[in-house]
Protein backbone atom coordinates (compact mmCIF):
# COMPACT_ATOMS: atom_id res chain seq x y z
CA UNK A 1 -42.56 -89.66 60.95
CA UNK A 2 -42.05 -86.70 58.52
CA UNK A 3 -45.21 -85.49 56.81
CA UNK A 4 -45.48 -86.67 53.21
CA UNK A 5 -45.72 -84.00 50.52
CA UNK A 6 -49.12 -83.72 48.92
CA UNK A 7 -48.64 -83.71 45.11
CA UNK A 8 -52.21 -82.45 44.64
CA UNK A 9 -51.96 -79.58 47.11
CA UNK A 10 -51.14 -76.83 44.61
CA UNK A 11 -54.06 -77.81 42.38
CA UNK A 12 -56.32 -78.04 45.43
CA UNK A 13 -55.33 -74.51 46.42
CA UNK A 14 -56.00 -73.26 42.91
CA UNK A 15 -59.36 -75.03 42.74
CA UNK A 16 -60.32 -73.46 46.07
CA UNK A 17 -59.30 -70.02 44.80
CA UNK A 18 -61.39 -70.51 41.64
CA UNK A 19 -64.41 -71.54 43.70
CA UNK A 20 -64.08 -68.53 46.00
CA UNK A 21 -63.73 -66.13 43.07
CA UNK A 22 -66.62 -67.68 41.16
CA UNK A 23 -68.89 -67.32 44.19
CA UNK A 24 -67.93 -63.90 45.48
CA UNK A 25 -65.48 -62.20 43.15
CA UNK A 26 -62.65 -60.01 44.38
CA UNK A 27 -63.88 -59.63 47.96
CA UNK A 28 -64.00 -63.40 48.47
CA UNK A 29 -60.42 -64.05 47.36
CA UNK A 30 -58.07 -63.70 50.32
CA UNK A 31 -55.02 -65.82 51.10
CA UNK A 32 -56.54 -66.92 54.40
CA UNK A 33 -59.86 -67.72 52.74
CA UNK A 34 -58.09 -69.79 50.07
CA UNK A 35 -56.18 -71.68 52.76
CA UNK A 36 -59.36 -72.49 54.67
CA UNK A 37 -61.20 -73.58 51.52
CA UNK A 38 -58.28 -75.80 50.48
CA UNK A 39 -57.93 -77.36 53.92
CA UNK A 40 -54.41 -76.07 54.50
CA UNK A 41 -52.64 -73.16 56.18
CA UNK A 42 -52.00 -69.62 55.03
CA UNK A 43 -48.17 -70.05 55.14
CA UNK A 44 -48.56 -73.11 52.92
CA UNK A 45 -50.46 -71.04 50.37
CA UNK A 46 -47.70 -68.41 50.45
CA UNK A 47 -45.12 -71.13 49.79
CA UNK A 48 -46.77 -71.77 46.43
CA UNK A 49 -48.08 -68.32 45.49
CA UNK A 50 -46.14 -65.16 46.27
CA UNK A 51 -49.20 -63.02 46.91
CA UNK A 52 -52.81 -62.45 45.97
CA UNK A 53 -51.85 -61.17 42.51
CA UNK A 54 -49.94 -64.37 41.83
CA UNK A 55 -52.86 -66.59 42.77
CA UNK A 56 -55.21 -64.36 40.79
CA UNK A 57 -53.05 -64.89 37.71
CA UNK A 58 -53.32 -68.65 38.24
CA UNK A 59 -57.10 -68.30 38.54
CA UNK A 60 -57.14 -66.36 35.25
CA UNK A 61 -55.15 -69.05 33.44
CA UNK A 62 -57.37 -71.83 34.73
CA UNK A 63 -60.52 -69.89 33.81
CA UNK A 64 -59.17 -69.41 30.30
CA UNK A 65 -58.66 -73.16 30.06
CA UNK A 66 -62.23 -73.77 31.26
CA UNK A 67 -63.67 -71.29 28.75
CA UNK A 68 -61.67 -72.87 25.95
CA UNK A 69 -62.88 -76.35 26.95
CA UNK A 70 -66.47 -75.10 26.69
CA UNK A 71 -65.87 -73.47 23.30
CA UNK A 72 -63.87 -76.31 21.79
CA UNK A 73 -66.96 -78.51 21.64
CA UNK A 74 -68.50 -76.21 19.01
CA UNK A 75 -68.19 -76.60 15.25
CA UNK A 76 -69.03 -73.18 13.77
CA UNK A 77 -68.54 -69.48 14.40
CA UNK A 78 -72.17 -68.98 15.40
CA UNK A 79 -71.99 -71.89 17.85
CA UNK A 80 -68.77 -70.66 19.45
CA UNK A 81 -70.18 -67.14 19.88
CA UNK A 82 -73.34 -68.53 21.46
CA UNK A 83 -71.38 -70.72 23.86
CA UNK A 84 -69.11 -67.79 24.75
CA UNK A 85 -72.07 -65.72 25.93
CA UNK A 86 -73.56 -68.71 27.78
CA UNK A 87 -70.30 -69.23 29.67
CA UNK A 88 -70.21 -65.58 30.72
CA UNK A 89 -73.79 -65.72 31.99
CA UNK A 90 -73.28 -69.04 33.79
CA UNK A 91 -69.95 -68.03 35.40
CA UNK A 92 -70.12 -64.24 35.87
CA UNK A 93 -67.33 -63.79 38.45
CA UNK A 94 -65.05 -66.27 36.70
CA UNK A 95 -65.62 -64.48 33.39
CA UNK A 96 -64.81 -61.07 34.82
CA UNK A 97 -61.36 -62.17 36.02
CA UNK A 98 -60.22 -62.73 32.45
CA UNK A 99 -59.94 -59.15 31.29
CA UNK A 100 -58.32 -56.87 33.88
CA UNK A 101 -55.18 -55.55 32.17
CA UNK A 102 -55.61 -58.02 29.30
CA UNK A 103 -53.44 -55.91 26.96
CA UNK A 104 -50.59 -55.57 29.47
CA UNK A 105 -48.05 -58.11 30.71
CA UNK A 106 -48.36 -60.71 32.07
CA UNK A 107 -51.80 -61.25 30.51
CA UNK A 108 -50.68 -60.03 27.07
CA UNK A 109 -48.02 -62.75 26.83
CA UNK A 110 -50.18 -65.57 28.17
CA UNK A 111 -52.00 -67.96 25.81
CA UNK A 112 -55.39 -66.72 24.59
CA UNK A 113 -56.87 -70.04 23.41
CA UNK A 114 -60.47 -68.85 23.14
CA UNK A 115 -59.52 -65.76 21.11
CA UNK A 116 -57.53 -67.99 18.77
CA UNK A 117 -60.38 -70.48 18.42
CA UNK A 118 -62.81 -67.68 17.55
CA UNK A 119 -60.33 -66.29 15.03
CA UNK A 120 -59.88 -69.76 13.52
CA UNK A 121 -63.65 -70.18 13.09
CA UNK A 122 -63.74 -66.73 11.46
CA UNK A 123 -60.93 -67.74 9.10
CA UNK A 124 -62.86 -70.88 8.15
CA UNK A 125 -65.74 -68.63 7.09
CA UNK A 126 -63.73 -65.98 5.25
CA UNK A 127 -60.58 -67.75 4.07
CA UNK A 128 -57.05 -66.42 4.35
CA UNK A 129 -54.97 -66.71 7.49
CA UNK A 130 -55.91 -66.04 11.13
CA UNK A 131 -53.61 -63.02 11.40
CA UNK A 132 -55.40 -61.37 8.48
CA UNK A 133 -58.58 -61.35 10.55
CA UNK A 134 -57.22 -60.08 13.87
CA UNK A 135 -58.81 -56.63 13.49
CA UNK A 136 -62.20 -58.10 12.62
CA UNK A 137 -61.89 -60.64 15.44
CA UNK A 138 -61.15 -57.81 17.86
CA UNK A 139 -64.37 -56.06 16.84
CA UNK A 140 -66.43 -59.24 17.28
CA UNK A 141 -64.77 -59.96 20.62
CA UNK A 142 -65.48 -56.41 21.80
CA UNK A 143 -69.13 -56.80 20.78
CA UNK A 144 -69.52 -60.10 22.63
CA UNK A 145 -67.62 -58.93 25.70
CA UNK A 146 -69.65 -55.72 25.89
CA UNK A 147 -72.87 -57.70 25.71
CA UNK A 148 -71.64 -60.18 28.31
CA UNK A 149 -70.68 -57.43 30.76
CA UNK A 150 -74.00 -55.62 30.27
CA UNK A 151 -75.84 -58.86 31.01
CA UNK A 152 -73.70 -59.56 34.08
CA UNK A 153 -73.42 -56.09 35.59
CA UNK A 154 -76.93 -55.09 34.62
CA UNK A 155 -78.54 -58.08 36.28
CA UNK A 156 -80.45 -58.66 33.05
CA UNK A 157 -82.96 -61.51 33.14
CA UNK A 158 -86.04 -62.81 31.34
CA UNK A 159 -87.10 -61.57 27.90
CA UNK A 160 -84.58 -58.71 27.90
CA UNK A 161 -81.68 -61.12 28.40
CA UNK A 162 -82.99 -63.32 25.60
CA UNK A 163 -83.31 -60.37 23.24
CA UNK A 164 -79.85 -58.97 24.07
CA UNK A 165 -78.29 -62.41 23.71
CA UNK A 166 -79.72 -62.99 20.24
CA UNK A 167 -79.25 -59.38 19.15
CA UNK A 168 -75.52 -59.85 19.78
CA UNK A 169 -75.46 -63.08 17.76
CA UNK A 170 -77.35 -61.38 14.91
CA UNK A 171 -74.90 -58.47 14.96
CA UNK A 172 -71.95 -60.87 14.76
CA UNK A 173 -73.49 -62.54 11.72
CA UNK A 174 -74.18 -59.17 10.09
CA UNK A 175 -70.60 -58.00 10.61
CA UNK A 176 -69.13 -61.25 9.27
CA UNK A 177 -71.49 -61.13 6.28
CA UNK A 178 -70.40 -57.58 5.49
CA UNK A 179 -66.73 -58.62 5.79
CA UNK A 180 -67.33 -61.46 3.33
CA UNK A 181 -68.87 -59.07 0.82
CA UNK A 182 -66.16 -56.44 1.34
CA UNK A 183 -63.48 -58.97 0.36
CA UNK A 184 -60.62 -57.34 2.20
CA UNK A 185 -61.39 -53.72 1.39
CA UNK A 186 -59.78 -51.34 3.85
CA UNK A 187 -61.88 -50.06 6.72
CA UNK A 188 -61.64 -46.82 8.65
CA UNK A 189 -58.51 -45.69 10.41
CA UNK A 190 -54.90 -46.69 9.82
CA UNK A 191 -53.76 -50.04 8.49
CA UNK A 192 -53.27 -52.75 11.11
CA UNK A 193 -49.58 -52.41 12.13
CA UNK A 194 -47.19 -55.36 12.05
CA UNK A 195 -46.13 -54.47 15.60
CA UNK A 196 -49.61 -55.29 16.94
CA UNK A 197 -49.96 -59.03 17.54
CA UNK A 198 -52.64 -60.54 19.77
CA UNK A 199 -53.39 -64.01 21.09
CA UNK A 200 -50.00 -65.53 20.28
CA UNK A 201 -48.50 -65.90 23.76
CA UNK A 202 -44.82 -64.88 23.84
CA UNK A 203 -45.07 -63.42 20.31
CA UNK A 204 -47.90 -61.06 21.27
CA UNK A 205 -47.07 -57.38 21.41
CA UNK A 206 -48.81 -54.04 21.55
CA UNK A 207 -46.16 -51.51 20.62
CA UNK A 208 -45.77 -48.21 18.80
CA UNK A 209 -42.85 -49.44 16.70
CA UNK A 210 -44.55 -48.67 13.39
CA UNK A 211 -45.55 -45.20 14.53
CA UNK A 212 -42.01 -44.49 15.76
CA UNK A 213 -40.60 -45.71 12.46
CA UNK A 214 -42.90 -43.38 10.55
CA UNK A 215 -41.78 -40.47 12.72
CA UNK A 216 -38.15 -41.22 11.90
CA UNK A 217 -38.69 -41.57 8.15
CA UNK A 218 -37.41 -38.77 5.85
CA UNK A 219 -40.94 -38.06 4.59
CA UNK A 220 -42.22 -37.65 8.14
CA UNK A 221 -39.34 -35.35 9.04
CA UNK A 222 -39.99 -33.21 5.97
CA UNK A 223 -43.68 -33.09 6.87
CA UNK A 224 -42.80 -32.10 10.41
CA UNK A 225 -40.50 -29.33 9.22
CA UNK A 226 -43.22 -28.04 6.94
CA UNK A 227 -45.69 -27.91 9.79
CA UNK A 228 -43.18 -26.20 12.05
CA UNK A 229 -42.43 -23.43 9.55
CA UNK A 230 -43.26 -20.10 11.19
CA UNK A 231 -46.25 -18.24 9.91
CA UNK A 232 -46.07 -14.80 8.33
CA UNK A 233 -48.72 -12.11 8.22
CA UNK A 234 -50.83 -11.39 11.27
CA UNK A 235 -48.18 -12.55 13.76
CA UNK A 236 -45.57 -10.27 12.19
CA UNK A 237 -48.04 -7.41 12.03
CA UNK A 238 -48.76 -7.72 15.74
CA UNK A 239 -45.06 -7.87 16.45
CA UNK A 240 -44.52 -4.66 14.47
CA UNK A 241 -47.28 -3.01 16.41
């Protein structure tokens, strides 16, 4: 009798890969190890995932879904930030897989549900549209991620972990409070370019289109010519000497 196909096999392989990664990180995730943990063979794993990078991408997508499920039960920005840090502490290896090359394909063009949920909660506090708050959301995300990685990599426990955890939450509230009082006033650095879109799956992009357009504009060319104009004085004096 021919062996019946197992419709759950691919998910079983993925679940096994997630377990291995969550327990031991990068060293634990091998194709043979995944096969053993899933109760199948290495060639069978290769039939469904081209290589280790392919299965790692699947682990990243599933971990994003798990993080989003944890965050979606919250009702406010402060709650979602608190749950974000708790998830990172409770699932350190799983959390770390989310961010390698996050601003490059394929990760850039994958859904970022947790980023979007955080940005939505921020929009509920400040008004406007989610895209208007992408720069602010990026700063809050960087703050939370930095704290999470310090807690994970630093092996922080006890009172220090408690203080760092709540210091991060207090900083988030302070930043959001300042943004509410600033009422859209420009911050430091250049204006957020239209060519920089995050968290919107296929529409996401991190390009230099605006910068290239500025370089090609007549004003930029005139400015460039002005800067390139040769100097007179000391250089000519040295040449005469």
